[in-house]
Structures are given as C-alpha cells and as structure tokens.
Amino acid sequence: MLTLVLGVGFAVVGIAGAASAHHNTISGTVACKTGGGWAVTWRVVNSEARTETITASNRSAVVPVGTPLTSRQTRTFTETVTTKPTSTQTLTLSARWDNGSTNTSSGSIPVEKFEDGCNVTTVEPPTIPVVDDCGPGNAHYGQVPPGPWSAVTNPDGSVTVTTTAGTQFPGGATTVTFPAPVDSNQPCPTPVVTPPVVTPPEVLPAEARVVSARARMIDKCGTRGDVFKVHKRTGVVYTSKGKVLRQGAWLKATSPRVTVRAHAADATFRLQGKQVWKMTFRTRPCASAPEVAPNTGHR
C-alpha cells in the first residue's frame, strides 16, 4: 500500500534584538495514517550553536514547554489528527537560548494537505454486560463484545476501551472508561436442608417381643356415663381417630361409636390377638323417679 506524504514548512523568525539571529526553523508534513486519520510530523531546527529551551507552545501536547534543543539540533515531533481540520494547522514555539536571547517561530500546514481519503470511522462504544451473582461484593464486567477496539480491566474493576487505528468514538474520543459496576449485595438463598432418613434397625421376627392388647367399655344409661379404657401395655400404642389414647385411665366416649386400634410401638414388638375394638354405646334414657309418691297405706 502506497502512503502519500504531503509536507510544507513555513518558518517565521521573530525579532529578538538588532544583533540577534536566533530562531527555530519549523516545518510540517502530513500523511494518511494506517487505519484512518492523518499522521503529522513537525520538524524543529535550532539555528544556533547554543542550547535553547522552549518557553511557550501552542501545541503543548506535541511539543511541551521545557523541551530542550541542543546546539543546531533537529528534533521531530508527531501527532495524530482524527478529524479533518477546517483551517491551516500551525505550530508556534517561543524559545530562550542559554545566552539570554529569545525568539518566537512558526510553521504551518495548509488545510488542503489533509486528504479526504484519510478519514476516521466513528463507532459507538460497546455495551459490556455486568455479572452480579448473589452474595456481596462480587459484581464485575463480563466479556467485552468484539469490535474495532481493545479493552483493559483496571485494578478498581473499571474497564477502559481503546479504539483501533482508523476508528474513534463519538466526539473524537479514542478511549472510554466504564466505571466499576455497583454490586446489588443480593443475598444468596439459604439451601433447604433435608433431614437424613433414619432407617430403624432390622429386627428379626424371632427377636420381636410378643405382646397382647386389651380394651373394654362401660355402657350406662344415657350418655354421660359412657366410658372406655385401654389397658396399659409396654410395646403397645392405642389410637382412636388418629389420636394416641392415654393408657390405663377411663376415657369418656364422645360419640355413640368409638373405634380403638392397637399398634406395635416399634419393630421390637409384635402384637398378637385382637387389635381393633368397635364400641357402640346405647343412648337409652335412664329411668325417671316417680312424680307421685306410691301409696304406702299410711295417711
């Protein structure tokens, strides 16, 4: 690929005194920069066999104040222009030599030297996903989408994205920094702990203790005196309507029909004999006392 370099130099020598010829010769060249934009090279020549120091610069980012030039030294300074200029580009430098002489010189590049074919493409900055898992302080940027840029993650968690040659972000910026993401501090859910299943020890039938259950009832007239009792037995559990019954005590029948079931307390016991009692309590009324006293033969 052939790169066309266009250059033009102009030197303006300021007057520092009748006997002073101290000055800088300033010229500039411009070329298309690979990937887009313009590469500008400024050439500054010290006219004297004395050291000088730059005391003022209209392009201090290119030629900083304080820059030295030794005896008759020629120095070059470069810069990249990403947006086509609309007017002549000028470098103006003021200098002081070590004998106290001063001078201001300039060099310029006409705007037409910046060819249209060197334009820079403007691209939008990428959208970087944020990864914020549950738990505090772990938010961070995910993978930067591919594009005409490179990305660097900074120590504070921010990400700086820099465009490649020939591209720029809106406004002419070539870098953009995304601040470190803010963590939501969303707590992680508490895991559900399932209690371990305890398997009772296997008991062989020959090892089980054989027990028998017993229940009885008393059915009196009316319903107030209807009671039943389950006998107290080791290894036996009695239930009625799914509720465990108290053993060895008379219990009031709350309905005309009561079903009592006996269960082995655990695998070390085995029931024999009757295990279910269906009790029916009659609701016949109790006899009433006579309203008229019987005749006893006495008056």
C-alpha atoms as a PDB file:
ATOM      1  CA  MET A   1       0.000   0.000   0.000  1.00  0.00           C
ATOM      2  CA  LEU A   2       1.426   3.343  -1.055  1.00  0.00           C
ATOM      3  CA  THR A   3       1.145   6.118   1.524  1.00  0.00           C
ATOM      4  CA  LEU A   4       1.288   9.628   0.160  1.00  0.00           C
ATOM      5  CA  VAL A   5       3.217  12.067   2.343  1.00  0.00           C
ATOM      6  CA  LEU A   6       2.479  15.712   1.830  1.00  0.00           C
ATOM      7  CA  GLY A   7       4.630  18.357   3.524  1.00  0.00           C
ATOM      8  CA  VAL A   8       5.005  22.054   3.645  1.00  0.00           C
ATOM      9  CA  GLY A   9       7.071  24.166   6.018  1.00  0.00           C
ATOM     10  CA  PHE A  10       6.990  27.769   6.909  1.00  0.00           C
ATOM     11  CA  ALA A  11       9.421  29.479   9.261  1.00  0.00           C
ATOM     12  CA  VAL A  12       8.678  32.746  10.938  1.00  0.00           C
ATOM     13  CA  VAL A  13      11.612  34.370  12.687  1.00  0.00           C
ATOM     14  CA  GLY A  14      10.765  36.756  15.493  1.00  0.00           C
ATOM     15  CA  ILE A  15      12.885  39.787  16.238  1.00  0.00           C
ATOM     16  CA  ALA A  16      14.822  39.401  19.474  1.00  0.00           C
ATOM     17  CA  GLY A  17      17.171  42.334  19.036  1.00  0.00           C
ATOM     18  CA  ALA A  18      19.191  44.068  16.373  1.00  0.00           C
ATOM     19  CA  ALA A  19      22.155  41.736  16.692  1.00  0.00           C
ATOM     20  CA  SER A  20      20.156  38.505  17.236  1.00  0.00           C
ATOM     21  CA  ALA A  21      19.648  35.867  14.551  1.00  0.00           C
ATOM     22  CA  HIS A  22      18.454  33.220  16.995  1.00  0.00           C
ATOM     23  CA  HIS A  23      15.436  31.342  15.662  1.00  0.00           C
ATOM     24  CA  ASN A  24      13.876  27.930  15.021  1.00  0.00           C
ATOM     25  CA  THR A  25      13.032  26.666  11.567  1.00  0.00           C
ATOM     26  CA  ILE A  26       9.685  24.826  11.836  1.00  0.00           C
ATOM     27  CA  SER A  27       8.154  22.712   9.085  1.00  0.00           C
ATOM     28  CA  GLY A  28       5.435  20.081   8.973  1.00  0.00           C
ATOM     29  CA  THR A  29       4.453  17.076   6.893  1.00  0.00           C
ATOM     30  CA  VAL A  30       1.209  15.109   6.859  1.00  0.00           C
ATOM     31  CA  ALA A  31       0.395  11.589   5.659  1.00  0.00           C
ATOM     32  CA  CYS A  32      -2.550   9.220   5.773  1.00  0.00           C
ATOM     33  CA  LYS A  33      -2.316   7.117   8.896  1.00  0.00           C
ATOM     34  CA  THR A  34      -2.745   3.386   8.524  1.00  0.00           C
ATOM     35  CA  GLY A  35      -6.316   2.530   9.526  1.00  0.00           C
ATOM     36  CA  GLY A  36      -7.567   6.100   9.153  1.00  0.00           C
ATOM     37  CA  GLY A  37      -6.710   9.628  10.198  1.00  0.00           C
ATOM     38  CA  TRP A  38      -3.662  11.758   9.495  1.00  0.00           C
ATOM     39  CA  ALA A  39      -0.114  11.398  10.854  1.00  0.00           C
ATOM     40  CA  VAL A  40       1.511  14.825  11.289  1.00  0.00           C
ATOM     41  CA  THR A  41       5.272  15.243  11.784  1.00  0.00           C
ATOM     42  CA  TRP A  42       6.690  18.584  12.920  1.00  0.00           C
ATOM     43  CA  ARG A  43      10.406  19.275  12.328  1.00  0.00           C
ATOM     44  CA  VAL A  44      12.125  21.897  14.542  1.00  0.00           C
ATOM     45  CA  VAL A  45      15.712  23.034  13.795  1.00  0.00           C
ATOM     46  CA  ASN A  46      17.781  25.135  16.238  1.00  0.00           C
ATOM     47  CA  SER A  47      19.663  27.783  14.221  1.00  0.00           C
ATOM     48  CA  GLU A  48      22.340  28.374  16.821  1.00  0.00           C
ATOM     49  CA  ALA A  49      25.348  26.558  18.233  1.00  0.00           C
ATOM     50  CA  ARG A  50      23.781  27.100  21.654  1.00  0.00           C
ATOM     51  CA  THR A  51      21.259  25.196  23.721  1.00  0.00           C
ATOM     52  CA  GLU A  52      17.713  26.530  23.806  1.00  0.00           C
ATOM     53  CA  THR A  53      14.620  25.752  25.867  1.00  0.00           C
ATOM     54  CA  ILE A  54      11.034  26.019  24.635  1.00  0.00           C
ATOM     55  CA  THR A  55       9.202  28.555  26.814  1.00  0.00           C
ATOM     56  CA  ALA A  56       5.792  28.567  25.088  1.00  0.00           C
ATOM     57  CA  SER A  57       3.972  26.218  22.705  1.00  0.00           C
ATOM     58  CA  ASN A  58       0.573  26.468  21.078  1.00  0.00           C
ATOM     59  CA  ARG A  59       0.558  22.632  20.755  1.00  0.00           C
ATOM     60  CA  SER A  60       1.924  21.736  24.172  1.00  0.00           C
ATOM     61  CA  ALA A  61       0.669  18.154  23.848  1.00  0.00           C
ATOM     62  CA  VAL A  62       3.018  17.774  20.871  1.00  0.00           C
ATOM     63  CA  VAL A  63       5.949  20.000  21.917  1.00  0.00           C
ATOM     64  CA  PRO A  64       5.790  20.501  25.716  1.00  0.00           C
ATOM     65  CA  VAL A  65       7.068  23.659  27.361  1.00  0.00           C
ATOM     66  CA  GLY A  66      10.543  22.983  28.729  1.00  0.00           C
ATOM     67  CA  THR A  67      11.626  20.911  25.746  1.00  0.00           C
ATOM     68  CA  PRO A  68      15.390  21.466  25.104  1.00  0.00           C
ATOM     69  CA  LEU A  69      17.227  21.637  21.783  1.00  0.00           C
ATOM     70  CA  THR A  70      20.994  21.397  21.857  1.00  0.00           C
ATOM     71  CA  SER A  71      23.466  23.109  19.514  1.00  0.00           C
ATOM     72  CA  ARG A  72      21.979  23.172  15.990  1.00  0.00           C
ATOM     73  CA  GLN A  73      19.848  20.152  16.887  1.00  0.00           C
ATOM     74  CA  THR A  74      16.966  18.990  14.698  1.00  0.00           C
ATOM     75  CA  ARG A  75      14.064  17.356  16.522  1.00  0.00           C
ATOM     76  CA  THR A  76      10.848  15.833  15.197  1.00  0.00           C
ATOM     77  CA  PHE A  77       7.527  15.690  16.989  1.00  0.00           C
ATOM     78  CA  THR A  78       4.497  13.684  15.854  1.00  0.00           C
ATOM     79  CA  GLU A  79       0.776  13.822  16.424  1.00  0.00           C
ATOM     80  CA  THR A  80      -2.307  12.055  15.056  1.00  0.00           C
ATOM     81  CA  VAL A  81      -5.253  14.056  13.721  1.00  0.00           C
ATOM     82  CA  THR A  82      -8.507  12.083  13.658  1.00  0.00           C
ATOM     83  CA  THR A  83     -10.882  14.802  12.421  1.00  0.00           C
ATOM     84  CA  LYS A  84     -10.111  16.684   9.228  1.00  0.00           C
ATOM     85  CA  PRO A  85      -9.063  20.281  10.058  1.00  0.00           C
ATOM     86  CA  THR A  86     -11.067  23.196   8.689  1.00  0.00           C
ATOM     87  CA  SER A  87      -8.159  25.643   8.730  1.00  0.00           C
ATOM     88  CA  THR A  88      -4.375  25.774   8.424  1.00  0.00           C
ATOM     89  CA  GLN A  89      -2.546  23.852  11.155  1.00  0.00           C
ATOM     90  CA  THR A  90       0.261  25.858  12.820  1.00  0.00           C
ATOM     91  CA  LEU A  91       2.983  25.090  15.352  1.00  0.00           C
ATOM     92  CA  THR A  92       4.272  28.205  17.140  1.00  0.00           C
ATOM     93  CA  LEU A  93       7.156  27.959  19.598  1.00  0.00           C
ATOM     94  CA  SER A  94       8.825  30.543  21.790  1.00  0.00           C
ATOM     95  CA  ALA A  95      12.379  29.778  22.949  1.00  0.00           C
ATOM     96  CA  ARG A  96      15.172  31.150  25.128  1.00  0.00           C
ATOM     97  CA  TRP A  97      18.847  30.391  24.388  1.00  0.00           C
ATOM     98  CA  ASP A  98      21.491  29.997  27.071  1.00  0.00           C
ATOM     99  CA  ASN A  99      22.876  33.457  26.253  1.00  0.00           C
ATOM    100  CA  GLY A 100      19.526  35.046  27.084  1.00  0.00           C
ATOM    101  CA  SER A 101      18.317  35.575  23.519  1.00  0.00           C
ATOM    102  CA  THR A 102      14.641  34.843  22.800  1.00  0.00           C
ATOM    103  CA  ASN A 103      12.599  34.263  19.677  1.00  0.00           C
ATOM    104  CA  THR A 104       9.162  33.070  18.532  1.00  0.00           C
ATOM    105  CA  SER A 105       8.937  30.993  15.328  1.00  0.00           C
ATOM    106  CA  SER A 106       6.081  29.269  13.487  1.00  0.00           C
ATOM    107  CA  GLY A 107       5.498  26.656  10.812  1.00  0.00           C
ATOM    108  CA  SER A 108       2.208  25.746   9.126  1.00  0.00           C
ATOM    109  CA  ILE A 109       0.491  23.035   7.063  1.00  0.00           C
ATOM    110  CA  PRO A 110      -2.291  24.170   4.671  1.00  0.00           C
ATOM    111  CA  VAL A 111      -5.654  22.510   5.287  1.00  0.00           C
ATOM    112  CA  GLU A 112      -5.797  21.158   1.723  1.00  0.00           C
ATOM    113  CA  LYS A 113      -2.856  18.864   2.531  1.00  0.00           C
ATOM    114  CA  PHE A 114      -5.220  16.781   4.709  1.00  0.00           C
ATOM    115  CA  GLU A 115      -6.636  14.448   2.035  1.00  0.00           C
ATOM    116  CA  ASP A 116     -10.263  13.305   2.351  1.00  0.00           C
ATOM    117  CA  GLY A 117      -9.273   9.665   1.873  1.00  0.00           C
ATOM    118  CA  CYS A 118      -7.700   9.554   5.364  1.00  0.00           C
ATOM    119  CA  ASN A 119     -10.961   9.984   7.305  1.00  0.00           C
ATOM    120  CA  VAL A 120     -11.526   8.111  10.599  1.00  0.00           C
ATOM    121  CA  THR A 121     -14.632   5.934  11.129  1.00  0.00           C
ATOM    122  CA  THR A 122     -16.776   6.806  14.149  1.00  0.00           C
ATOM    123  CA  VAL A 123     -18.127   3.817  16.084  1.00  0.00           C
ATOM    124  CA  GLU A 124     -20.348   3.528  19.152  1.00  0.00           C
ATOM    125  CA  PRO A 125     -18.736   2.230  22.355  1.00  0.00           C
ATOM    126  CA  PRO A 126     -19.550  -1.399  23.167  1.00  0.00           C
ATOM    127  CA  THR A 127     -22.168  -2.435  25.710  1.00  0.00           C
ATOM    128  CA  ILE A 128     -20.400  -4.565  28.318  1.00  0.00           C
ATOM    129  CA  PRO A 129     -22.584  -6.973  30.343  1.00  0.00           C
ATOM    130  CA  VAL A 130     -22.383  -6.839  34.142  1.00  0.00           C
ATOM    131  CA  VAL A 131     -22.187 -10.130  36.061  1.00  0.00           C
ATOM    132  CA  ASP A 132     -23.619  -9.833  39.590  1.00  0.00           C
ATOM    133  CA  ASP A 133     -24.010 -13.205  41.265  1.00  0.00           C
ATOM    134  CA  CYS A 134     -25.740 -13.491  44.632  1.00  0.00           C
ATOM    135  CA  GLY A 135     -23.650 -12.514  47.617  1.00  0.00           C
ATOM    136  CA  PRO A 136     -21.915  -9.224  48.467  1.00  0.00           C
ATOM    137  CA  GLY A 137     -19.051  -7.540  46.597  1.00  0.00           C
ATOM    138  CA  ASN A 138     -18.760  -9.749  43.516  1.00  0.00           C
ATOM    139  CA  ALA A 139     -20.177  -7.613  40.674  1.00  0.00           C
ATOM    140  CA  HIS A 140     -17.845  -7.428  37.665  1.00  0.00           C
ATOM    141  CA  TYR A 141     -17.924  -6.892  33.920  1.00  0.00           C
ATOM    142  CA  GLY A 142     -18.366  -9.866  31.656  1.00  0.00           C
ATOM    143  CA  GLN A 143     -16.712 -10.384  28.283  1.00  0.00           C
ATOM    144  CA  VAL A 144     -16.293  -7.257  26.143  1.00  0.00           C
ATOM    145  CA  PRO A 145     -18.071  -7.723  22.785  1.00  0.00           C
ATOM    146  CA  PRO A 146     -15.705  -7.915  19.778  1.00  0.00           C
ATOM    147  CA  GLY A 147     -15.209  -4.755  17.727  1.00  0.00           C
ATOM    148  CA  PRO A 148     -12.599  -2.287  16.464  1.00  0.00           C
ATOM    149  CA  TRP A 149     -11.191  -1.782  19.938  1.00  0.00           C
ATOM    150  CA  SER A 150      -9.146  -3.328  22.726  1.00  0.00           C
ATOM    151  CA  ALA A 151     -10.164  -3.489  26.393  1.00  0.00           C
ATOM    152  CA  VAL A 152      -8.254  -3.492  29.684  1.00  0.00           C
ATOM    153  CA  THR A 153      -9.722  -4.238  33.134  1.00  0.00           C
ATOM    154  CA  ASN A 154      -8.300  -1.814  35.692  1.00  0.00           C
ATOM    155  CA  PRO A 155      -7.424  -2.722  39.316  1.00  0.00           C
ATOM    156  CA  ASP A 156     -10.524  -0.901  40.628  1.00  0.00           C
ATOM    157  CA  GLY A 157     -12.837  -3.017  38.444  1.00  0.00           C
ATOM    158  CA  SER A 158     -13.401  -0.374  35.757  1.00  0.00           C
ATOM    159  CA  VAL A 159     -12.787  -1.206  32.084  1.00  0.00           C
ATOM    160  CA  THR A 160     -11.009   1.059  29.591  1.00  0.00           C
ATOM    161  CA  VAL A 161     -11.801   0.520  25.905  1.00  0.00           C
ATOM    162  CA  THR A 162      -9.453   1.970  23.250  1.00  0.00           C
ATOM    163  CA  THR A 163     -10.309   2.206  19.556  1.00  0.00           C
ATOM    164  CA  THR A 164      -8.051   0.667  16.949  1.00  0.00           C
ATOM    165  CA  ALA A 165      -6.364   2.760  14.267  1.00  0.00           C
ATOM    166  CA  GLY A 166      -8.809   4.417  11.890  1.00  0.00           C
ATOM    167  CA  THR A 167     -11.737   4.474  14.316  1.00  0.00           C
ATOM    168  CA  GLN A 168     -12.934   6.767  17.045  1.00  0.00           C
ATOM    169  CA  PHE A 169     -15.854   7.109  19.439  1.00  0.00           C
ATOM    170  CA  PRO A 170     -18.406   9.929  19.056  1.00  0.00           C
ATOM    171  CA  GLY A 171     -16.854  13.315  19.775  1.00  0.00           C
ATOM    172  CA  GLY A 172     -13.429  12.210  18.536  1.00  0.00           C
ATOM    173  CA  ALA A 173     -12.516  10.263  21.698  1.00  0.00           C
ATOM    174  CA  THR A 174     -10.304   7.221  21.203  1.00  0.00           C
ATOM    175  CA  THR A 175     -10.789   5.802  24.718  1.00  0.00           C
ATOM    176  CA  VAL A 176     -13.738   5.404  27.059  1.00  0.00           C
ATOM    177  CA  THR A 177     -13.669   4.078  30.626  1.00  0.00           C
ATOM    178  CA  PHE A 178     -16.622   2.241  32.128  1.00  0.00           C
ATOM    179  CA  PRO A 179     -16.732   2.744  35.935  1.00  0.00           C
ATOM    180  CA  ALA A 180     -16.679  -0.298  38.191  1.00  0.00           C
ATOM    181  CA  PRO A 181     -20.195  -1.798  38.450  1.00  0.00           C
ATOM    182  CA  VAL A 182     -22.133  -1.345  41.703  1.00  0.00           C
ATOM    183  CA  ASP A 183     -22.882  -4.627  43.487  1.00  0.00           C
ATOM    184  CA  SER A 184     -26.529  -5.302  44.352  1.00  0.00           C
ATOM    185  CA  ASN A 185     -25.491  -7.213  47.513  1.00  0.00           C
ATOM    186  CA  GLN A 186     -28.384  -9.616  46.899  1.00  0.00           C
ATOM    187  CA  PRO A 187     -28.036 -12.412  49.486  1.00  0.00           C
ATOM    188  CA  CYS A 188     -27.864 -15.990  48.314  1.00  0.00           C
ATOM    189  CA  PRO A 189     -30.904 -18.147  49.198  1.00  0.00           C
ATOM    190  CA  THR A 190     -30.478 -20.433  52.178  1.00  0.00           C
ATOM    191  CA  PRO A 191     -30.278 -24.014  50.941  1.00  0.00           C
ATOM    192  CA  VAL A 192     -33.047 -26.320  52.132  1.00  0.00           C
ATOM    193  CA  VAL A 193     -31.607 -28.913  54.454  1.00  0.00           C
ATOM    194  CA  THR A 194     -33.373 -32.247  54.183  1.00  0.00           C
ATOM    195  CA  PRO A 195     -33.061 -34.268  57.380  1.00  0.00           C
ATOM    196  CA  PRO A 196     -31.427 -37.628  56.859  1.00  0.00           C
ATOM    197  CA  VAL A 197     -33.713 -40.624  56.676  1.00  0.00           C
ATOM    198  CA  VAL A 198     -33.065 -42.800  59.672  1.00  0.00           C
ATOM    199  CA  THR A 199     -33.671 -46.448  58.959  1.00  0.00           C
ATOM    200  CA  PRO A 200     -34.653 -48.350  62.094  1.00  0.00           C
ATOM    201  CA  PRO A 201     -32.518 -51.349  62.835  1.00  0.00           C
ATOM    202  CA  GLU A 202     -33.707 -54.520  61.274  1.00  0.00           C
ATOM    203  CA  VAL A 203     -35.312 -56.819  63.836  1.00  0.00           C
ATOM    204  CA  LEU A 204     -35.707 -60.461  63.025  1.00  0.00           C
ATOM    205  CA  PRO A 205     -39.128 -61.941  63.829  1.00  0.00           C
ATOM    206  CA  ALA A 206     -37.581 -64.246  66.371  1.00  0.00           C
ATOM    207  CA  GLU A 207     -36.207 -61.260  68.261  1.00  0.00           C
ATOM    208  CA  ALA A 208     -39.540 -59.358  68.498  1.00  0.00           C
ATOM    209  CA  ARG A 209     -41.321 -59.421  71.870  1.00  0.00           C
ATOM    210  CA  VAL A 210     -44.874 -60.714  71.625  1.00  0.00           C
ATOM    211  CA  VAL A 211     -47.451 -58.609  73.459  1.00  0.00           C
ATOM    212  CA  SER A 212     -51.248 -58.502  73.536  1.00  0.00           C
ATOM    213  CA  ALA A 213     -53.532 -55.517  73.723  1.00  0.00           C
ATOM    214  CA  ARG A 214     -56.805 -55.114  75.591  1.00  0.00           C
ATOM    215  CA  ALA A 215     -59.634 -52.591  75.724  1.00  0.00           C
ATOM    216  CA  ARG A 216     -63.007 -52.523  77.489  1.00  0.00           C
ATOM    217  CA  MET A 217     -66.091 -50.313  77.728  1.00  0.00           C
ATOM    218  CA  ILE A 218     -68.877 -49.439  80.163  1.00  0.00           C
ATOM    219  CA  ASP A 219     -72.266 -48.527  78.653  1.00  0.00           C
ATOM    220  CA  LYS A 220     -74.565 -46.930  81.205  1.00  0.00           C
ATOM    221  CA  CYS A 221     -77.960 -45.454  80.632  1.00  0.00           C
ATOM    222  CA  GLY A 222     -77.890 -42.127  78.903  1.00  0.00           C
ATOM    223  CA  THR A 223     -74.554 -40.911  77.573  1.00  0.00           C
ATOM    224  CA  ARG A 224     -72.910 -39.154  80.495  1.00  0.00           C
ATOM    225  CA  GLY A 225     -71.631 -42.396  81.964  1.00  0.00           C
ATOM    226  CA  ASP A 226     -70.320 -43.974  78.717  1.00  0.00           C
ATOM    227  CA  VAL A 227     -66.581 -44.640  79.143  1.00  0.00           C
ATOM    228  CA  PHE A 228     -63.896 -46.920  77.794  1.00  0.00           C
ATOM    229  CA  LYS A 229     -60.355 -47.844  78.767  1.00  0.00           C
ATOM    230  CA  VAL A 230     -57.287 -49.307  77.059  1.00  0.00           C
ATOM    231  CA  HIS A 231     -55.096 -51.378  79.291  1.00  0.00           C
ATOM    232  CA  LYS A 232     -51.548 -50.243  79.851  1.00  0.00           C
ATOM    233  CA  ARG A 233     -49.130 -52.412  77.955  1.00  0.00           C
ATOM    234  CA  THR A 234     -45.441 -51.992  77.194  1.00  0.00           C
ATOM    235  CA  GLY A 235     -44.842 -52.011  73.429  1.00  0.00           C
ATOM    236  CA  VAL A 236     -48.460 -51.101  72.536  1.00  0.00           C
ATOM    237  CA  VAL A 237     -49.811 -47.790  71.259  1.00  0.00           C
ATOM    238  CA  TYR A 238     -53.608 -47.255  71.105  1.00  0.00           C
ATOM    239  CA  THR A 239     -55.263 -44.762  68.773  1.00  0.00           C
ATOM    240  CA  SER A 240     -58.765 -43.553  68.004  1.00  0.00           C
ATOM    241  CA  LYS A 241     -59.441 -41.317  65.018  1.00  0.00           C
ATOM    242  CA  GLY A 242     -55.700 -40.980  64.565  1.00  0.00           C
ATOM    243  CA  LYS A 243     -55.072 -39.710  68.097  1.00  0.00           C
ATOM    244  CA  VAL A 244     -52.978 -41.581  70.645  1.00  0.00           C
ATOM    245  CA  LEU A 245     -55.029 -42.650  73.682  1.00  0.00           C
ATOM    246  CA  ARG A 246     -53.952 -42.444  77.286  1.00  0.00           C
ATOM    247  CA  GLN A 247     -53.448 -45.916  78.721  1.00  0.00           C
ATOM    248  CA  GLY A 248     -54.843 -47.253  81.997  1.00  0.00           C
ATOM    249  CA  ALA A 249     -57.458 -44.491  82.534  1.00  0.00           C
ATOM    250  CA  TRP A 250     -61.172 -44.390  81.842  1.00  0.00           C
ATOM    251  CA  LEU A 251     -61.905 -42.153  78.858  1.00  0.00           C
ATOM    252  CA  LYS A 252     -65.270 -40.585  78.093  1.00  0.00           C
ATOM    253  CA  ALA A 253     -66.942 -41.690  74.880  1.00  0.00           C
ATOM    254  CA  THR A 254     -67.622 -38.566  72.854  1.00  0.00           C
ATOM    255  CA  SER A 255     -69.805 -40.321  70.279  1.00  0.00           C
ATOM    256  CA  PRO A 256     -72.048 -43.417  70.187  1.00  0.00           C
ATOM    257  CA  ARG A 257     -69.442 -45.308  68.180  1.00  0.00           C
ATOM    258  CA  VAL A 258     -65.769 -45.464  69.122  1.00  0.00           C
ATOM    259  CA  THR A 259     -63.125 -47.469  67.266  1.00  0.00           C
ATOM    260  CA  VAL A 260     -59.903 -48.286  69.086  1.00  0.00           C
ATOM    261  CA  ARG A 261     -56.858 -49.668  67.284  1.00  0.00           C
ATOM    262  CA  ALA A 262     -53.719 -51.175  68.791  1.00  0.00           C
ATOM    263  CA  HIS A 263     -50.268 -50.804  67.167  1.00  0.00           C
ATOM    264  CA  ALA A 264     -46.855 -52.173  67.982  1.00  0.00           C
ATOM    265  CA  ALA A 265     -44.720 -49.383  69.457  1.00  0.00           C
ATOM    266  CA  ASP A 266     -41.774 -50.272  67.195  1.00  0.00           C
ATOM    267  CA  ALA A 267     -40.191 -53.163  65.324  1.00  0.00           C
ATOM    268  CA  THR A 268     -39.041 -54.810  68.549  1.00  0.00           C
ATOM    269  CA  PHE A 269     -42.636 -55.694  69.457  1.00  0.00           C
ATOM    270  CA  ARG A 270     -45.201 -57.880  67.726  1.00  0.00           C
ATOM    271  CA  LEU A 271     -48.910 -57.864  68.573  1.00  0.00           C
ATOM    272  CA  GLN A 272     -50.974 -60.976  68.898  1.00  0.00           C
ATOM    273  CA  GLY A 273     -54.671 -61.346  69.460  1.00  0.00           C
ATOM    274  CA  LYS A 274     -57.322 -58.701  68.974  1.00  0.00           C
ATOM    275  CA  GLN A 275     -56.114 -55.334  67.679  1.00  0.00           C
ATOM    276  CA  VAL A 276     -59.329 -53.453  66.784  1.00  0.00           C
ATOM    277  CA  TRP A 277     -62.313 -52.762  69.068  1.00  0.00           C
ATOM    278  CA  LYS A 278     -65.522 -51.258  67.665  1.00  0.00           C
ATOM    279  CA  MET A 279     -67.501 -49.998  70.634  1.00  0.00           C
ATOM    280  CA  THR A 280     -71.185 -48.990  70.344  1.00  0.00           C
ATOM    281  CA  PHE A 281     -72.797 -47.102  73.207  1.00  0.00           C
ATOM    282  CA  ARG A 282     -76.572 -47.163  73.503  1.00  0.00           C
ATOM    283  CA  THR A 283     -78.396 -43.919  74.127  1.00  0.00           C
ATOM    284  CA  ARG A 284     -81.326 -45.327  76.136  1.00  0.00           C
ATOM    285  CA  PRO A 285     -82.522 -42.845  78.762  1.00  0.00           C
ATOM    286  CA  CYS A 286     -82.184 -43.537  82.421  1.00  0.00           C
ATOM    287  CA  ALA A 287     -85.398 -44.291  84.410  1.00  0.00           C
ATOM    288  CA  SER A 288     -87.105 -41.206  85.887  1.00  0.00           C
ATOM    289  CA  ALA A 289     -88.172 -41.002  89.536  1.00  0.00           C
ATOM    290  CA  PRO A 290     -91.992 -41.240  90.049  1.00  0.00           C
ATOM    291  CA  GLU A 291     -93.716 -37.915  90.110  1.00  0.00           C
ATOM    292  CA  VAL A 292     -96.417 -39.172  92.622  1.00  0.00           C
ATOM    293  CA  ALA A 293     -95.368 -40.949  95.757  1.00  0.00           C
ATOM    294  CA  PRO A 294     -96.717 -44.526  95.852  1.00  0.00           C
ATOM    295  CA  ASN A 295     -99.450 -45.486  98.375  1.00  0.00           C
ATOM    296  CA  THR A 296     -97.867 -46.918 101.443  1.00  0.00           C
ATOM    297  CA  GLY A 297    -101.064 -47.477 103.390  1.00  0.00           C
ATOM    298  CA  HIS A 298    -100.431 -44.614 105.722  1.00  0.00           C
ATOM    299  CA  ARG A 299    -102.318 -41.387 105.767  1.00  0.00           C
END
